[in-house]
Amino acid sequence: MESYLFIGGSRDCLYIPVASDVGVLQLWTDIAGIENYIRETLSVGDVSITVYRHESLTPQHVLDLFVSHYKSCAVNRPGGRHY
């Protein structure tokens, strides 16, 4: 099993091992009962990564989160740029 990045929900930013053929993963939570995570592939050119996004997030929201986290990392490093 390979570990995949989870985006959104109570598992946000965690890497969790999942079998490679699982399209939708249901995970128990303490508060909401069950959360659904949907397998997505993000790619740039010929490089791609597979992630699991919380069902409440659209693919556009996931990309927006990636961009905002990247900007935050860039700004907070020494000599970082402000956007």
N, C-alpha and C. Protein backbone atom coordinates (compact mmCIF):
# COMPACT_ATOMS: atom_id res chain seq x y z
N MET A 1 0.84 -1.19 0.00
CA MET A 1 0.00 0.00 0.00
C MET A 1 0.87 1.23 0.00
N GLU A 2 0.44 2.22 -0.74
CA GLU A 2 1.13 3.49 -0.80
C GLU A 2 0.38 4.51 0.05
N SER A 3 1.10 5.50 0.59
CA SER A 3 0.45 6.56 1.37
C SER A 3 0.08 7.72 0.46
N TYR A 4 -1.11 8.27 0.68
CA TYR A 4 -1.61 9.37 -0.14
C TYR A 4 -1.95 10.56 0.75
N LEU A 5 -1.79 11.75 0.20
CA LEU A 5 -2.13 12.99 0.90
C LEU A 5 -3.64 13.15 0.92
N PHE A 6 -4.18 13.48 2.10
CA PHE A 6 -5.61 13.76 2.25
C PHE A 6 -5.79 15.26 2.38
N ILE A 7 -6.79 15.79 1.66
CA ILE A 7 -7.02 17.22 1.63
C ILE A 7 -8.45 17.49 2.11
N GLY A 8 -8.56 18.31 3.15
CA GLY A 8 -9.86 18.68 3.71
C GLY A 8 -10.34 17.70 4.77
N GLY A 9 -11.42 18.06 5.43
CA GLY A 9 -11.99 17.21 6.47
C GLY A 9 -11.08 17.07 7.68
N SER A 10 -11.35 16.08 8.50
CA SER A 10 -10.57 15.90 9.72
C SER A 10 -9.20 15.28 9.46
N ARG A 11 -8.95 14.79 8.26
CA ARG A 11 -7.66 14.17 7.92
C ARG A 11 -6.78 15.09 7.07
N ASP A 12 -7.11 16.38 7.01
CA ASP A 12 -6.39 17.35 6.18
C ASP A 12 -4.88 17.31 6.46
N CYS A 13 -4.10 17.23 5.39
CA CYS A 13 -2.63 17.25 5.42
C CYS A 13 -1.99 15.97 5.96
N LEU A 14 -2.76 14.90 6.15
CA LEU A 14 -2.19 13.64 6.60
C LEU A 14 -1.92 12.74 5.42
N TYR A 15 -0.89 11.91 5.56
CA TYR A 15 -0.60 10.86 4.58
C TYR A 15 -1.07 9.55 5.18
N ILE A 16 -1.98 8.88 4.48
CA ILE A 16 -2.58 7.65 4.99
C ILE A 16 -2.40 6.55 3.95
N PRO A 17 -1.99 5.36 4.35
CA PRO A 17 -1.85 4.26 3.39
C PRO A 17 -3.22 3.78 2.89
N VAL A 18 -3.32 3.63 1.57
CA VAL A 18 -4.56 3.20 0.93
C VAL A 18 -4.20 2.25 -0.21
N ALA A 19 -5.01 1.23 -0.42
CA ALA A 19 -4.81 0.35 -1.57
C ALA A 19 -4.95 1.17 -2.85
N SER A 20 -4.20 0.81 -3.88
CA SER A 20 -4.13 1.64 -5.09
C SER A 20 -5.40 1.64 -5.94
N ASP A 21 -6.37 0.79 -5.66
CA ASP A 21 -7.57 0.72 -6.50
C ASP A 21 -8.82 1.31 -5.84
N VAL A 22 -8.66 2.05 -4.76
CA VAL A 22 -9.81 2.61 -4.03
C VAL A 22 -10.15 3.99 -4.57
N GLY A 23 -11.37 4.14 -5.13
CA GLY A 23 -11.80 5.42 -5.70
C GLY A 23 -12.42 6.35 -4.69
N VAL A 24 -13.23 5.81 -3.80
CA VAL A 24 -13.86 6.59 -2.72
C VAL A 24 -13.57 5.86 -1.42
N LEU A 25 -13.09 6.61 -0.44
CA LEU A 25 -12.72 6.02 0.84
C LEU A 25 -13.60 6.63 1.92
N GLN A 26 -14.24 5.79 2.72
CA GLN A 26 -15.05 6.26 3.84
C GLN A 26 -14.27 6.02 5.12
N LEU A 27 -14.09 7.09 5.90
CA LEU A 27 -13.36 7.01 7.16
C LEU A 27 -14.22 7.52 8.30
N TRP A 28 -14.15 6.83 9.43
CA TRP A 28 -14.90 7.23 10.62
C TRP A 28 -14.26 8.45 11.27
N THR A 29 -15.10 9.31 11.83
CA THR A 29 -14.64 10.45 12.61
C THR A 29 -15.35 10.44 13.95
N ASP A 30 -14.80 11.14 14.91
CA ASP A 30 -15.43 11.23 16.22
C ASP A 30 -16.68 12.10 16.20
N ILE A 31 -16.67 13.12 15.34
CA ILE A 31 -17.74 14.11 15.35
C ILE A 31 -18.82 13.83 14.31
N ALA A 32 -18.44 13.71 13.05
CA ALA A 32 -19.39 13.64 11.95
C ALA A 32 -19.87 12.23 11.62
N GLY A 33 -19.26 11.21 12.18
CA GLY A 33 -19.63 9.85 11.83
C GLY A 33 -18.73 9.30 10.74
N ILE A 34 -19.08 9.56 9.48
CA ILE A 34 -18.28 9.08 8.35
C ILE A 34 -17.96 10.24 7.42
N GLU A 35 -16.72 10.30 6.96
CA GLU A 35 -16.31 11.26 5.94
C GLU A 35 -15.93 10.50 4.68
N ASN A 36 -16.33 11.03 3.54
CA ASN A 36 -15.96 10.45 2.25
C ASN A 36 -14.82 11.24 1.63
N TYR A 37 -13.84 10.51 1.14
CA TYR A 37 -12.71 11.11 0.43
C TYR A 37 -12.66 10.52 -0.97
N ILE A 38 -12.49 11.36 -1.96
CA ILE A 38 -12.52 10.97 -3.36
C ILE A 38 -11.12 11.04 -3.94
N ARG A 39 -10.73 10.00 -4.64
CA ARG A 39 -9.40 9.92 -5.25
C ARG A 39 -9.34 10.85 -6.46
N GLU A 40 -8.30 11.68 -6.52
CA GLU A 40 -8.08 12.61 -7.62
C GLU A 40 -6.62 12.55 -8.04
N THR A 41 -6.36 12.81 -9.29
CA THR A 41 -4.99 12.89 -9.79
C THR A 41 -4.72 14.32 -10.23
N LEU A 42 -3.66 14.89 -9.69
CA LEU A 42 -3.24 16.24 -10.05
C LEU A 42 -1.99 16.11 -10.91
N SER A 43 -1.95 16.83 -12.03
CA SER A 43 -0.78 16.68 -12.90
C SER A 43 -0.34 18.02 -13.47
N VAL A 44 0.96 18.09 -13.71
CA VAL A 44 1.59 19.21 -14.41
C VAL A 44 2.53 18.57 -15.41
N GLY A 45 2.24 18.77 -16.68
CA GLY A 45 3.04 18.10 -17.70
C GLY A 45 2.90 16.60 -17.57
N ASP A 46 4.03 15.90 -17.54
CA ASP A 46 3.97 14.45 -17.43
C ASP A 46 4.19 13.94 -16.00
N VAL A 47 4.11 14.85 -15.03
CA VAL A 47 4.26 14.48 -13.62
C VAL A 47 2.90 14.58 -12.95
N SER A 48 2.55 13.54 -12.18
CA SER A 48 1.25 13.58 -11.50
C SER A 48 1.37 12.99 -10.10
N ILE A 49 0.46 13.43 -9.23
CA ILE A 49 0.34 12.85 -7.89
C ILE A 49 -1.13 12.52 -7.66
N THR A 50 -1.36 11.53 -6.85
CA THR A 50 -2.72 11.15 -6.48
C THR A 50 -2.97 11.59 -5.06
N VAL A 51 -4.12 12.22 -4.84
CA VAL A 51 -4.52 12.69 -3.51
C VAL A 51 -5.96 12.23 -3.26
N TYR A 52 -6.39 12.34 -2.04
CA TYR A 52 -7.78 12.12 -1.69
C TYR A 52 -8.34 13.42 -1.15
N ARG A 53 -9.39 13.92 -1.81
CA ARG A 53 -10.02 15.18 -1.38
C ARG A 53 -11.32 14.88 -0.65
N HIS A 54 -11.59 15.68 0.37
CA HIS A 54 -12.84 15.55 1.11
C HIS A 54 -13.99 15.85 0.16
N GLU A 55 -15.09 15.14 0.33
CA GLU A 55 -16.23 15.30 -0.57
C GLU A 55 -16.80 16.73 -0.60
N SER A 56 -16.54 17.52 0.43
CA SER A 56 -17.07 18.89 0.47
C SER A 56 -16.26 19.85 -0.41
N LEU A 57 -15.09 19.41 -0.87
CA LEU A 57 -14.23 20.27 -1.69
C LEU A 57 -14.36 19.93 -3.17
N THR A 58 -14.45 20.95 -3.99
CA THR A 58 -14.41 20.73 -5.43
C THR A 58 -12.95 20.66 -5.86
N PRO A 59 -12.67 20.14 -7.04
CA PRO A 59 -11.28 20.16 -7.53
C PRO A 59 -10.69 21.58 -7.54
N GLN A 60 -11.50 22.59 -7.85
CA GLN A 60 -11.02 23.97 -7.84
C GLN A 60 -10.60 24.40 -6.44
N HIS A 61 -11.36 24.01 -5.42
CA HIS A 61 -10.99 24.32 -4.04
C HIS A 61 -9.65 23.69 -3.67
N VAL A 62 -9.43 22.46 -4.14
CA VAL A 62 -8.17 21.77 -3.85
C VAL A 62 -7.00 22.54 -4.45
N LEU A 63 -7.13 22.96 -5.71
CA LEU A 63 -6.06 23.75 -6.33
C LEU A 63 -5.85 25.06 -5.62
N ASP A 64 -6.93 25.71 -5.20
CA ASP A 64 -6.81 26.97 -4.46
C ASP A 64 -6.04 26.75 -3.15
N LEU A 65 -6.31 25.63 -2.47
CA LEU A 65 -5.59 25.32 -1.22
C LEU A 65 -4.10 25.10 -1.49
N PHE A 66 -3.78 24.37 -2.56
CA PHE A 66 -2.38 24.16 -2.91
C PHE A 66 -1.67 25.49 -3.15
N VAL A 67 -2.31 26.38 -3.90
CA VAL A 67 -1.70 27.68 -4.21
C VAL A 67 -1.54 28.51 -2.95
N SER A 68 -2.56 28.56 -2.09
CA SER A 68 -2.45 29.38 -0.88
C SER A 68 -1.38 28.83 0.07
N HIS A 69 -1.25 27.51 0.17
CA HIS A 69 -0.20 26.93 1.02
C HIS A 69 1.19 27.21 0.44
N TYR A 70 1.31 27.16 -0.87
CA TYR A 70 2.59 27.48 -1.51
C TYR A 70 2.97 28.93 -1.25
N LYS A 71 2.00 29.82 -1.42
CA LYS A 71 2.27 31.24 -1.17
C LYS A 71 2.68 31.46 0.28
N SER A 72 2.01 30.80 1.21
CA SER A 72 2.34 30.93 2.62
C SER A 72 3.76 30.46 2.90
N CYS A 73 4.16 29.35 2.31
CA CYS A 73 5.53 28.84 2.50
C CYS A 73 6.55 29.81 1.93
N ALA A 74 6.25 30.37 0.76
CA ALA A 74 7.18 31.29 0.11
C ALA A 74 7.35 32.58 0.92
N VAL A 75 6.26 33.08 1.48
CA VAL A 75 6.31 34.33 2.24
C VAL A 75 7.03 34.13 3.57
N ASN A 76 6.84 32.99 4.20
CA ASN A 76 7.37 32.76 5.55
C ASN A 76 8.81 32.25 5.60
N ARG A 77 9.41 31.96 4.48
CA ARG A 77 10.81 31.53 4.51
C ARG A 77 11.71 32.77 4.51
N PRO A 78 12.93 32.63 4.98
CA PRO A 78 13.85 33.79 5.00
C PRO A 78 14.04 34.34 3.59
N GLY A 79 13.87 35.63 3.45
CA GLY A 79 13.98 36.28 2.14
C GLY A 79 12.80 36.01 1.23
N GLY A 80 11.70 35.52 1.81
CA GLY A 80 10.53 35.16 1.01
C GLY A 80 9.88 36.36 0.34
N ARG A 81 9.18 36.07 -0.74
CA ARG A 81 8.49 37.13 -1.48
C ARG A 81 7.07 37.27 -0.97
N HIS A 82 6.57 38.50 -1.03
CA HIS A 82 5.19 38.77 -0.64
C HIS A 82 4.35 38.90 -1.91
N TYR A 83 3.23 38.20 -1.95
CA TYR A 83 2.36 38.22 -3.13
C TYR A 83 1.24 39.19 -2.93
